Amino acid sequence: MAILGFLMIGTFLYLVMSKRVSVLIAFALVPIIFALIGGFGLEIGKMMLDGIAKVTPTGIMIGFSILYFGLMIDRGLFDPMISRLIRFANGDPLKIVMATAIITLVVALDGDGSATFMITVTALLPIYKRLGMSSLTLAGVVALGAGVMNIIPWGGPLARAMVSLGAESTELFNPIIPAMLAGAVWVVFVSYIFGMRERKRIGIIKVNKGDSMESGEIAATLEMSSSLPKLYWFNLILTISLIVALIMEIIPVPVLFIVAFAIALLVNFPDVKKQQEQIASHAQSMVMVCTTIFAAGIFTGILSGTKMIDAMAVSMVSAIPDWLGGHLPILVAVVSMPLSLIFSPDAFYYGLLPVLSEAGTAFGVDPIEIGRAALLGNGTTGFPLSPLNPSVFVLIGLCKVDLGDLQKKIFFWAFGSTIVMTIVALLTGAIPL
């Protein structure tokens, strides 16, 4: 069964990473084929249904979080903060780079890497070009900020970890909140270093509102309306309440997002036709993510139901020295960052993480702790550097920089994020020493 399990995961990884088939098809068909080879006939149906049932709350949470934060972006929730930070910077490269970090950390709350890149780069690239600042600096700071925030409960990595481990978002996320905050501080610190370099290189340049440049009018950015968007305070209070309720576990997270989206939709779009248009505008993103999550339920259901995962874990445990077994979370946290350059997010979380977590169990390590460790490396700093993550190409395309140059510029600093967050996670007990 261990051999069959490794062959199944190997086949899945090959098909996904070589782009022979889509992730959804690989999730749905590969485990069925290997379960039949293993002699599991009519039992397969129940295994698949059990797996789908386990991932349903995650699918609901992710789907409605996409709709909710899509609505908030459309209603300009983040616009006032962006415009005020840009005005505050006023031509000082140091302030602009640090503002870039703060804007990215806030905008990344939507949980969508591509959307974060589009919003931040579109708002800030004209400023960078006008002042002669490096687009690579912009790309690097945005990548670091988006990476740290990528582990929020409605983001991709944590959702995948929830599916693989059958865990609740609060189990994985709440204990690593201090580590994530430390990562955010690290990003602002790195942006200070990058900003000082830019200030030393080009100095402080005062920008006049009437100045223009090749890629557009800087005045359009500097003269963003000083008046707040319609229903701004309502949307801000609702969003803050949502995040607080999520952390405090007042009600189940999937239900929380459904209720919050329903309230936001009703208040912002009283007209039924407008409500339908708003849902439709983000339906494609919602469907693509949710269908993949439900298909992943088939994969994890068969992996667990056939006991392949147990057999694989036993074989891995025999290869891990006893002295290293108890420190597996630290090892996973450190190596998962470079592993993100080799494995796609789906391959890592659905292929490797279940095996690592089961192996950790044999050494007395809670699988949840393995999941948190994986998030600190692969889920954060590995996300904006991996060529296997499609949203990265949105970033480098908008900034017009080379992926290799981006990796050279921030690999050391990104790995520093992992180290800082891992240390804080160890100090707070989120992962064991």
Protein backbone atom coordinates (compact mmCIF):
# COMPACT_ATOMS: atom_id res chain seq x y z
CA MET A 1 0.00 0.00 0.00
CA ALA A 2 2.91 2.35 0.68
CA ILE A 3 4.31 1.72 -2.80
CA LEU A 4 0.87 2.24 -4.32
CA GLY A 5 0.48 5.50 -2.38
CA PHE A 6 3.85 6.88 -3.44
CA LEU A 7 3.12 5.93 -7.06
CA MET A 8 -0.26 7.69 -6.84
CA ILE A 9 1.28 10.89 -5.47
CA GLY A 10 4.15 10.66 -7.94
CA THR A 11 1.70 10.34 -10.82
CA PHE A 12 -0.32 13.27 -9.49
CA LEU A 13 2.81 15.44 -9.17
CA TYR A 14 4.02 14.51 -12.64
CA LEU A 15 0.69 15.24 -14.32
CA VAL A 16 0.24 18.56 -12.52
CA MET A 17 3.80 19.86 -12.76
CA SER A 18 4.19 18.85 -16.40
CA LYS A 19 0.78 20.40 -17.12
CA ARG A 20 -0.43 17.23 -18.82
CA VAL A 21 -3.86 17.70 -17.24
CA SER A 22 -5.50 20.30 -15.02
CA VAL A 23 -5.27 19.99 -11.24
CA LEU A 24 -9.00 19.29 -11.03
CA ILE A 25 -8.81 16.31 -13.39
CA ALA A 26 -5.76 14.92 -11.62
CA PHE A 27 -7.53 15.17 -8.26
CA ALA A 28 -10.65 13.45 -9.53
CA LEU A 29 -9.29 10.63 -11.69
CA VAL A 30 -5.80 9.65 -10.48
CA PRO A 31 -6.90 8.42 -7.00
CA ILE A 32 -9.82 6.46 -8.48
CA ILE A 33 -7.49 4.59 -10.83
CA PHE A 34 -5.03 3.71 -8.07
CA ALA A 35 -7.80 2.72 -5.67
CA LEU A 36 -9.11 0.29 -8.29
CA ILE A 37 -5.59 -1.08 -8.78
CA GLY A 38 -5.43 -1.60 -5.02
CA GLY A 39 -8.56 -3.74 -5.13
CA PHE A 40 -11.01 -1.24 -3.69
CA GLY A 41 -14.24 -1.49 -5.64
CA LEU A 42 -17.59 -0.34 -4.35
CA GLU A 43 -15.91 1.11 -1.25
CA ILE A 44 -14.42 3.93 -3.33
CA GLY A 45 -17.71 5.83 -3.52
CA LYS A 46 -17.99 6.22 0.25
CA MET A 47 -14.32 7.21 0.54
CA MET A 48 -14.81 9.97 -2.02
CA LEU A 49 -17.99 11.22 -0.39
CA ASP A 50 -16.31 11.28 3.03
CA GLY A 51 -13.44 13.28 1.57
CA ILE A 52 -15.76 15.77 -0.12
CA ALA A 53 -17.76 16.18 3.11
CA LYS A 54 -14.59 17.07 5.01
CA VAL A 55 -13.57 19.80 2.55
CA THR A 56 -17.04 21.31 2.12
CA PRO A 57 -16.66 23.88 4.95
CA THR A 58 -13.35 24.99 3.44
CA GLY A 59 -14.90 25.32 -0.02
CA ILE A 60 -17.73 27.43 1.38
CA MET A 61 -15.35 29.67 3.31
CA ILE A 62 -13.04 30.28 0.34
CA GLY A 63 -15.91 30.82 -2.10
CA PHE A 64 -17.69 33.43 -0.01
CA SER A 65 -14.44 35.13 1.04
CA ILE A 66 -13.69 35.71 -2.65
CA LEU A 67 -17.12 37.28 -3.10
CA TYR A 68 -16.82 39.36 0.07
CA PHE A 69 -13.39 40.86 -0.51
CA GLY A 70 -14.09 41.28 -4.20
CA LEU A 71 -17.07 43.43 -3.22
CA MET A 72 -14.96 45.47 -0.78
CA ILE A 73 -12.31 46.15 -3.41
CA ASP A 74 -14.98 47.17 -5.92
CA ARG A 75 -16.45 49.58 -3.36
CA GLY A 76 -13.07 51.24 -2.77
CA LEU A 77 -12.45 50.14 0.81
CA PHE A 78 -8.66 50.43 0.40
CA ASP A 79 -8.57 53.53 -1.85
CA PRO A 80 -8.43 56.23 0.87
CA MET A 81 -5.51 54.55 2.62
CA ILE A 82 -3.56 54.24 -0.63
CA SER A 83 -4.09 57.86 -1.65
CA ARG A 84 -3.14 59.21 1.80
CA LEU A 85 0.05 57.16 1.98
CA ILE A 86 1.07 58.34 -1.48
CA ARG A 87 0.46 61.97 -0.51
CA PHE A 88 2.41 61.45 2.71
CA ALA A 89 5.42 60.07 0.79
CA ASN A 90 5.59 63.25 -1.35
CA GLY A 91 8.56 62.32 -3.49
CA ASP A 92 10.72 60.70 -0.78
CA PRO A 93 11.84 57.24 -2.03
CA LEU A 94 12.18 55.95 1.54
CA LYS A 95 8.60 56.89 2.43
CA ILE A 96 7.29 55.57 -0.88
CA VAL A 97 8.91 52.15 -0.45
CA MET A 98 7.70 51.87 3.14
CA ALA A 99 4.22 52.97 2.03
CA THR A 100 4.40 50.22 -0.60
CA ALA A 101 4.97 47.64 2.13
CA ILE A 102 2.08 48.90 4.27
CA ILE A 103 -0.31 49.15 1.32
CA THR A 104 0.55 45.60 0.24
CA LEU A 105 0.05 44.19 3.74
CA VAL A 106 -3.41 45.76 3.92
CA VAL A 107 -4.56 45.05 0.36
CA ALA A 108 -3.41 41.41 0.70
CA LEU A 109 -6.23 40.89 3.20
CA ASP A 110 -8.38 39.97 0.19
CA GLY A 111 -6.51 36.65 0.04
CA ASP A 112 -6.02 36.77 -3.73
CA GLY A 113 -2.39 37.16 -4.80
CA SER A 114 -3.20 38.28 -8.34
CA ALA A 115 -5.64 40.94 -7.10
CA THR A 116 -3.08 42.19 -4.56
CA PHE A 117 -0.45 42.55 -7.26
CA MET A 118 -2.80 44.33 -9.64
CA ILE A 119 -4.09 46.82 -7.07
CA THR A 120 -0.74 47.74 -5.51
CA VAL A 121 1.34 47.85 -8.67
CA THR A 122 -1.29 49.77 -10.64
CA ALA A 123 -1.49 52.39 -7.88
CA LEU A 124 2.24 52.74 -7.26
CA LEU A 125 4.09 52.02 -10.51
CA PRO A 126 3.39 55.53 -11.91
CA ILE A 127 5.02 57.07 -8.82
CA TYR A 128 8.07 54.83 -9.11
CA LYS A 129 8.48 55.66 -12.80
CA ARG A 130 8.08 59.39 -12.31
CA LEU A 131 10.77 59.49 -9.63
CA GLY A 132 13.11 57.13 -11.47
CA MET A 133 12.82 54.48 -8.78
CA SER A 134 13.49 50.82 -9.51
CA SER A 135 10.52 48.71 -10.63
CA LEU A 136 12.41 45.73 -9.19
CA THR A 137 12.26 47.35 -5.75
CA LEU A 138 8.50 47.75 -6.16
CA ALA A 139 8.12 44.11 -7.24
CA GLY A 140 10.33 42.89 -4.39
CA VAL A 141 8.52 44.74 -1.60
CA VAL A 142 5.09 43.80 -2.95
CA ALA A 143 6.17 40.15 -3.22
CA LEU A 144 7.45 40.09 0.37
CA GLY A 145 4.31 41.73 1.76
CA ALA A 146 1.93 39.55 -0.19
CA GLY A 147 3.90 36.47 0.85
CA VAL A 148 3.59 37.13 4.59
CA MET A 149 -0.15 37.81 4.29
CA ASN A 150 -0.71 34.74 2.14
CA ILE A 151 -1.42 32.55 5.18
CA ILE A 152 -4.67 34.26 6.20
CA PRO A 153 -7.55 31.75 6.60
CA TRP A 154 -9.18 32.58 3.28
CA GLY A 155 -5.90 32.41 1.38
CA GLY A 156 -4.82 29.49 -0.78
CA PRO A 157 -2.10 27.83 1.36
CA LEU A 158 -4.13 27.61 4.56
CA ALA A 159 -7.16 26.36 2.68
CA ARG A 160 -5.05 23.60 1.13
CA ALA A 161 -3.56 22.71 4.52
CA MET A 162 -7.06 22.52 6.01
CA VAL A 163 -8.13 20.10 3.30
CA SER A 164 -5.01 17.93 3.63
CA LEU A 165 -5.10 17.74 7.43
CA GLY A 166 -8.86 17.87 7.98
CA ALA A 167 -8.31 20.81 10.32
CA GLU A 168 -10.21 23.97 11.19
CA SER A 169 -8.80 27.32 10.09
CA THR A 170 -8.60 28.53 13.69
CA GLU A 171 -6.45 25.54 14.68
CA LEU A 172 -3.88 26.34 12.04
CA PHE A 173 -4.09 30.13 11.89
CA ASN A 174 -4.72 31.57 15.36
CA PRO A 175 -1.49 30.25 16.98
CA ILE A 176 0.66 31.69 14.17
CA ILE A 177 -0.89 35.18 14.23
CA PRO A 178 2.06 36.52 16.32
CA ALA A 179 4.46 34.97 13.80
CA MET A 180 2.57 36.57 10.91
CA LEU A 181 2.67 39.96 12.63
CA ALA A 182 6.42 39.53 13.17
CA GLY A 183 6.72 38.74 9.46
CA ALA A 184 4.84 41.95 8.64
CA VAL A 185 7.26 43.94 10.83
CA TRP A 186 10.15 42.25 9.02
CA VAL A 187 8.71 43.29 5.65
CA VAL A 188 8.46 46.93 6.80
CA PHE A 189 12.07 46.70 8.06
CA VAL A 190 13.24 45.34 4.70
CA SER A 191 11.30 48.08 2.92
CA TYR A 192 13.20 50.63 5.05
CA ILE A 193 16.51 49.16 3.86
CA PHE A 194 15.35 49.15 0.22
CA GLY A 195 14.00 52.68 0.61
CA MET A 196 17.27 54.01 2.04
CA ARG A 197 19.09 52.55 -0.94
CA GLU A 198 16.69 54.26 -3.35
CA ARG A 199 16.94 57.56 -1.47
CA LYS A 200 20.75 57.35 -1.58
CA ARG A 201 20.65 56.57 -5.29
CA ILE A 202 18.24 59.26 -6.54
CA GLY A 203 17.61 61.60 -3.60
CA ILE A 204 14.29 63.22 -2.68
CA ILE A 205 12.31 64.53 -5.64
CA LYS A 206 9.34 66.79 -5.11
CA VAL A 207 6.42 65.85 -7.34
CA ASN A 208 4.06 68.48 -8.71
CA LYS A 209 0.46 67.49 -9.33
CA GLY A 210 0.66 68.61 -12.92
CA ASP A 211 3.69 66.51 -13.80
CA SER A 212 3.15 63.70 -16.29
CA MET A 213 5.10 60.70 -17.48
CA GLU A 214 5.14 58.05 -20.16
CA SER A 215 2.89 55.48 -18.46
CA GLY A 216 0.17 57.90 -17.38
CA GLU A 217 -0.57 60.97 -15.32
CA ILE A 218 0.84 61.08 -11.82
CA ALA A 219 -1.78 63.70 -11.08
CA ALA A 220 -4.42 60.99 -11.37
CA THR A 221 -2.83 59.21 -8.43
CA LEU A 222 -2.05 62.29 -6.35
CA GLU A 223 -5.45 63.81 -6.88
CA MET A 224 -7.49 60.81 -5.80
CA SER A 225 -10.71 62.08 -4.26
CA SER A 226 -10.30 63.24 -0.70
CA SER A 227 -13.90 62.24 -0.01
CA LEU A 228 -14.48 58.73 1.25
CA PRO A 229 -16.20 56.15 -0.99
CA LYS A 230 -19.88 55.58 -0.44
CA LEU A 231 -20.61 53.45 2.65
CA TYR A 232 -16.90 53.45 3.51
CA TRP A 233 -17.37 53.45 7.29
CA PHE A 234 -20.01 50.73 7.17
CA ASN A 235 -17.78 48.50 5.02
CA LEU A 236 -14.74 49.16 7.21
CA ILE A 237 -16.59 48.34 10.44
CA LEU A 238 -18.12 45.24 8.88
CA THR A 239 -14.72 44.01 7.68
CA ILE A 240 -13.04 44.62 11.05
CA SER A 241 -15.93 42.86 12.80
CA LEU A 242 -15.58 39.94 10.40
CA ILE A 243 -11.87 39.52 11.13
CA VAL A 244 -12.37 39.83 14.91
CA ALA A 245 -15.22 37.31 14.86
CA LEU A 246 -13.08 34.95 12.79
CA ILE A 247 -10.20 35.06 15.26
CA MET A 248 -12.49 34.74 18.30
CA GLU A 249 -14.38 31.80 16.74
CA ILE A 250 -17.75 33.35 17.60
CA ILE A 251 -19.51 31.29 14.92
CA PRO A 252 -18.16 28.76 12.37
CA VAL A 253 -16.00 30.51 9.77
CA PRO A 254 -17.94 29.35 6.67
CA VAL A 255 -21.20 30.65 8.16
CA LEU A 256 -19.44 33.87 9.13
CA PHE A 257 -18.45 34.64 5.55
CA ILE A 258 -21.89 33.78 4.18
CA VAL A 259 -23.59 36.14 6.65
CA ALA A 260 -21.01 38.93 6.17
CA PHE A 261 -21.28 38.76 2.38
CA ALA A 262 -25.08 38.75 2.51
CA ILE A 263 -25.09 41.87 4.70
CA ALA A 264 -22.48 43.64 2.58
CA LEU A 265 -24.30 42.79 -0.65
CA LEU A 266 -27.68 43.95 0.65
CA VAL A 267 -26.40 47.27 2.02
CA ASN A 268 -24.08 48.13 -0.88
CA PHE A 269 -26.41 46.96 -3.64
CA PRO A 270 -30.08 47.21 -2.62
CA ASP A 271 -31.18 46.53 -6.19
CA VAL A 272 -31.52 42.80 -6.96
CA LYS A 273 -30.15 43.17 -10.48
CA LYS A 274 -27.04 44.94 -9.16
CA GLN A 275 -26.60 42.18 -6.60
CA GLN A 276 -26.61 39.55 -9.34
CA GLU A 277 -24.12 41.56 -11.41
CA GLN A 278 -21.79 41.88 -8.42
CA ILE A 279 -21.86 38.13 -7.78
CA ALA A 280 -21.32 37.39 -11.47
CA SER A 281 -18.29 39.70 -11.64
CA HIS A 282 -16.38 37.41 -9.25
CA ALA A 283 -18.09 34.12 -10.08
CA GLN A 284 -15.28 32.82 -12.30
CA SER A 285 -12.66 33.10 -9.54
CA MET A 286 -15.04 31.51 -7.05
CA VAL A 287 -15.92 28.56 -9.29
CA MET A 288 -12.31 27.81 -10.25
CA VAL A 289 -11.16 27.70 -6.62
CA CYS A 290 -14.14 25.84 -5.17
CA THR A 291 -14.25 23.12 -7.84
CA THR A 292 -10.56 22.40 -7.19
CA ILE A 293 -11.17 22.14 -3.45
CA PHE A 294 -14.07 19.70 -3.87
CA ALA A 295 -12.04 17.60 -6.31
CA ALA A 296 -9.22 17.58 -3.75
CA GLY A 297 -11.71 15.99 -1.36
CA ILE A 298 -11.77 12.90 -3.62
CA PHE A 299 -7.97 12.73 -3.53
CA THR A 300 -7.66 13.05 0.26
CA GLY A 301 -10.67 10.81 0.86
CA ILE A 302 -9.18 7.90 -1.09
CA LEU A 303 -5.69 8.53 0.31
CA SER A 304 -7.08 8.17 3.84
CA GLY A 305 -9.82 5.60 3.20
CA THR A 306 -7.49 3.09 1.54
CA LYS A 307 -4.93 3.55 4.36
CA MET A 308 -2.28 4.42 1.79
CA ILE A 309 -1.31 7.48 3.83
CA ASP A 310 -0.73 5.34 6.94
CA ALA A 311 1.49 2.91 5.08
CA MET A 312 3.48 5.74 3.50
CA ALA A 313 4.00 7.39 6.87
CA VAL A 314 5.33 4.14 8.37
CA SER A 315 7.85 3.78 5.56
CA MET A 316 8.99 7.42 5.96
CA VAL A 317 9.36 7.08 9.73
CA SER A 318 11.75 4.19 9.25
CA ALA A 319 14.00 6.49 7.19
CA ILE A 320 13.98 9.43 9.65
CA PRO A 321 16.53 9.29 12.50
CA ASP A 322 14.97 9.24 15.96
CA TRP A 323 16.88 12.36 17.05
CA LEU A 324 15.38 14.32 14.15
CA GLY A 325 11.80 13.12 14.45
CA GLY A 326 10.86 15.35 17.36
CA HIS A 327 12.23 18.40 15.55
CA LEU A 328 10.32 17.70 12.34
CA PRO A 329 8.23 20.94 12.49
CA ILE A 330 11.38 23.11 12.52
CA LEU A 331 12.82 21.14 9.60
CA VAL A 332 9.57 21.47 7.64
CA ALA A 333 9.40 25.23 8.29
CA VAL A 334 12.94 25.79 7.02
CA VAL A 335 12.98 23.50 3.99
CA SER A 336 9.44 24.19 2.78
CA MET A 337 10.50 27.60 1.48
CA PRO A 338 13.07 26.30 -1.05
CA LEU A 339 10.77 23.34 -1.79
CA SER A 340 8.21 25.84 -3.10
CA LEU A 341 10.55 26.43 -6.05
CA ILE A 342 10.23 22.74 -6.96
CA PHE A 343 6.66 21.86 -6.02
CA SER A 344 3.53 23.73 -6.98
CA PRO A 345 1.25 24.73 -4.06
CA ASP A 346 -1.18 21.92 -4.90
CA ALA A 347 1.62 19.38 -5.18
CA PHE A 348 3.17 20.44 -1.88
CA TYR A 349 0.02 20.63 0.25
CA TYR A 350 -1.92 17.73 -1.24
CA GLY A 351 1.04 15.48 -2.08
CA LEU A 352 3.76 16.04 0.52
CA LEU A 353 2.08 17.57 3.56
CA PRO A 354 -0.21 14.60 4.38
CA VAL A 355 2.76 12.23 4.36
CA LEU A 356 4.91 14.56 6.46
CA SER A 357 2.12 15.05 8.99
CA GLU A 358 1.52 11.32 9.36
CA ALA A 359 5.25 10.74 9.75
CA GLY A 360 5.32 13.40 12.47
CA THR A 361 2.51 11.60 14.31
CA ALA A 362 4.74 8.57 14.70
CA PHE A 363 7.24 10.76 16.56
CA GLY A 364 4.56 12.25 18.78
CA VAL A 365 4.23 15.49 16.78
CA ASP A 366 0.74 16.90 16.24
CA PRO A 367 -0.09 17.02 12.49
CA ILE A 368 -1.49 20.53 13.05
CA GLU A 369 1.99 21.66 14.11
CA ILE A 370 3.45 20.24 10.91
CA GLY A 371 0.81 22.18 8.99
CA ARG A 372 1.67 25.44 10.75
CA ALA A 373 5.37 24.87 10.05
CA ALA A 374 4.65 24.31 6.35
CA LEU A 375 2.67 27.56 6.20
CA LEU A 376 5.56 29.54 7.68
CA GLY A 377 7.82 28.55 4.79
CA ASN A 378 5.91 27.40 1.75
CA GLY A 379 2.77 29.42 2.38
CA THR A 380 4.50 32.74 2.89
CA THR A 381 7.96 33.39 1.51
CA GLY A 382 7.84 30.66 -1.12
CA PHE A 383 4.63 31.96 -2.68
CA PRO A 384 5.96 35.10 -4.47
CA LEU A 385 9.14 33.46 -5.79
CA SER A 386 7.92 30.18 -7.25
CA PRO A 387 7.60 29.94 -11.04
CA LEU A 388 4.93 27.30 -10.35
CA ASN A 389 2.63 29.97 -8.89
CA PRO A 390 0.75 31.64 -11.80
CA SER A 391 0.05 34.88 -9.92
CA VAL A 392 3.80 35.60 -9.78
CA PHE A 393 3.70 36.25 -13.51
CA VAL A 394 1.04 38.90 -12.93
CA LEU A 395 3.51 40.71 -10.68
CA ILE A 396 6.54 40.52 -12.95
CA GLY A 397 4.38 41.32 -15.98
CA LEU A 398 2.99 44.51 -14.43
CA CYS A 399 6.41 45.63 -13.16
CA LYS A 400 8.15 44.47 -16.35
CA VAL A 401 10.94 42.70 -14.46
CA ASP A 402 12.56 39.31 -14.92
CA LEU A 403 11.65 36.48 -12.52
CA GLY A 404 15.32 35.59 -12.08
CA ASP A 405 16.15 39.17 -11.09
CA LEU A 406 13.26 39.20 -8.62
CA GLN A 407 14.46 35.94 -7.06
CA LYS A 408 18.01 37.27 -6.75
CA LYS A 409 16.84 40.49 -5.12
CA ILE A 410 14.58 39.05 -2.45
CA PHE A 411 15.46 35.38 -1.90
CA PHE A 412 17.69 36.21 1.09
CA TRP A 413 15.10 38.60 2.54
CA ALA A 414 12.25 36.16 1.90
CA PHE A 415 14.15 33.39 3.66
CA GLY A 416 14.69 35.89 6.48
CA SER A 417 10.90 36.18 6.77
CA THR A 418 10.67 32.43 7.28
CA ILE A 419 13.40 32.45 9.92
CA VAL A 420 11.85 35.38 11.82
CA MET A 421 8.37 33.83 11.77
CA THR A 422 9.71 30.40 12.75
CA ILE A 423 11.56 31.86 15.73
CA VAL A 424 8.43 33.68 16.91
CA ALA A 425 6.35 30.52 16.37
CA LEU A 426 8.81 28.59 18.54
CA LEU A 427 8.75 31.25 21.27
CA THR A 428 4.94 31.35 21.32
CA GLY A 429 4.55 27.57 21.21
CA ALA A 430 2.83 27.49 17.82
CA ILE A 431 5.34 24.84 16.80
CA PRO A 432 7.36 22.75 19.28
CA LEU A 433 11.08 23.07 19.85
